[in-house]
Amino acid sequence: MRSFFYWLFSIALATLATAASDHTDKTGEFLWTPTVAADVLPVPEPSRAILLGVGILAIAFTYRQAWLNLKRGN
């Protein structure tokens, strides 16, 4: 059951990070003029968001394998 919750939490974290990295809100307050701010607004790139989610899951998998090997004494 612990393994199930670990993967459920990992997938939820990857999903939240993916959703948070895809910034499309351009109505924030800036300390400079809006014409300058238009040049530095984040560009939504779904491929980067997907890679972030995959990277988090890869780290979760690697961490779990390392933890299991440590517990087994290998």
Protein backbone atom coordinates (compact mmCIF):
# COMPACT_ATOMS: atom_id res chain seq x y z
CA MET A 1 0.00 0.00 0.00
CA ARG A 2 2.93 2.33 0.70
CA SER A 3 4.18 1.87 -2.85
CA PHE A 4 0.77 2.83 -4.23
CA PHE A 5 0.69 6.06 -2.22
CA TYR A 6 4.28 6.85 -3.20
CA TRP A 7 3.46 6.64 -6.91
CA LEU A 8 0.15 8.43 -6.44
CA PHE A 9 1.93 11.31 -4.72
CA SER A 10 4.70 11.35 -7.34
CA ILE A 11 2.22 11.52 -10.21
CA ALA A 12 0.22 14.23 -8.44
CA LEU A 13 3.38 16.27 -7.84
CA ALA A 14 4.47 15.89 -11.47
CA THR A 15 1.01 16.93 -12.67
CA LEU A 16 0.94 20.00 -10.42
CA ALA A 17 4.45 21.04 -11.48
CA THR A 18 3.54 20.60 -15.14
CA ALA A 19 0.42 22.72 -14.75
CA ALA A 20 2.27 25.40 -12.78
CA SER A 21 5.10 25.68 -15.29
CA ASP A 22 2.74 26.42 -18.16
CA HIS A 23 2.23 30.12 -17.35
CA THR A 24 -0.18 31.79 -19.70
CA ASP A 25 -1.41 34.53 -17.33
CA LYS A 26 -0.18 37.85 -18.66
CA THR A 27 -2.18 40.16 -16.41
CA GLY A 28 0.35 40.44 -13.56
CA GLU A 29 1.60 43.71 -12.15
CA PHE A 30 4.97 44.90 -13.36
CA LEU A 31 7.42 47.44 -12.01
CA TRP A 32 8.11 48.74 -15.49
CA THR A 33 6.03 49.88 -18.43
CA PRO A 34 3.78 47.36 -20.18
CA THR A 35 5.59 47.80 -23.49
CA VAL A 36 8.85 46.61 -21.95
CA ALA A 37 7.06 43.88 -20.01
CA ALA A 38 5.63 42.42 -23.21
CA ASP A 39 9.16 41.52 -24.28
CA VAL A 40 9.94 39.54 -21.12
CA LEU A 41 6.67 37.68 -20.55
CA PRO A 42 7.03 33.89 -20.29
CA VAL A 43 6.39 31.98 -23.47
CA PRO A 44 4.19 28.93 -22.89
CA GLU A 45 5.99 25.85 -24.13
CA PRO A 46 4.06 22.64 -23.50
CA SER A 47 7.07 20.49 -24.37
CA ARG A 48 9.03 21.95 -21.43
CA ALA A 49 6.12 21.33 -19.10
CA ILE A 50 5.89 17.71 -20.24
CA LEU A 51 9.65 17.23 -19.83
CA LEU A 52 9.41 18.63 -16.30
CA GLY A 53 6.71 16.09 -15.42
CA VAL A 54 8.69 13.22 -16.94
CA GLY A 55 11.82 14.39 -15.12
CA ILE A 56 10.05 14.41 -11.76
CA LEU A 57 8.77 10.89 -12.36
CA ALA A 58 12.25 9.74 -13.40
CA ILE A 59 13.73 11.16 -10.20
CA ALA A 60 10.97 9.46 -8.18
CA PHE A 61 11.74 6.13 -9.88
CA THR A 62 15.49 6.49 -9.29
CA TYR A 63 14.99 7.48 -5.65
CA ARG A 64 12.72 4.50 -5.06
CA GLN A 65 15.21 2.09 -6.62
CA ALA A 66 18.05 3.51 -4.53
CA TRP A 67 15.95 3.26 -1.36
CA LEU A 68 14.98 -0.35 -2.07
CA ASN A 69 18.61 -1.28 -2.78
CA LEU A 70 19.70 0.34 0.46
CA LYS A 71 17.04 -1.54 2.43
CA ARG A 72 18.03 -4.85 0.83
CA GLY A 73 21.70 -4.26 1.57
CA ASN A 74 22.89 -4.43 -2.05
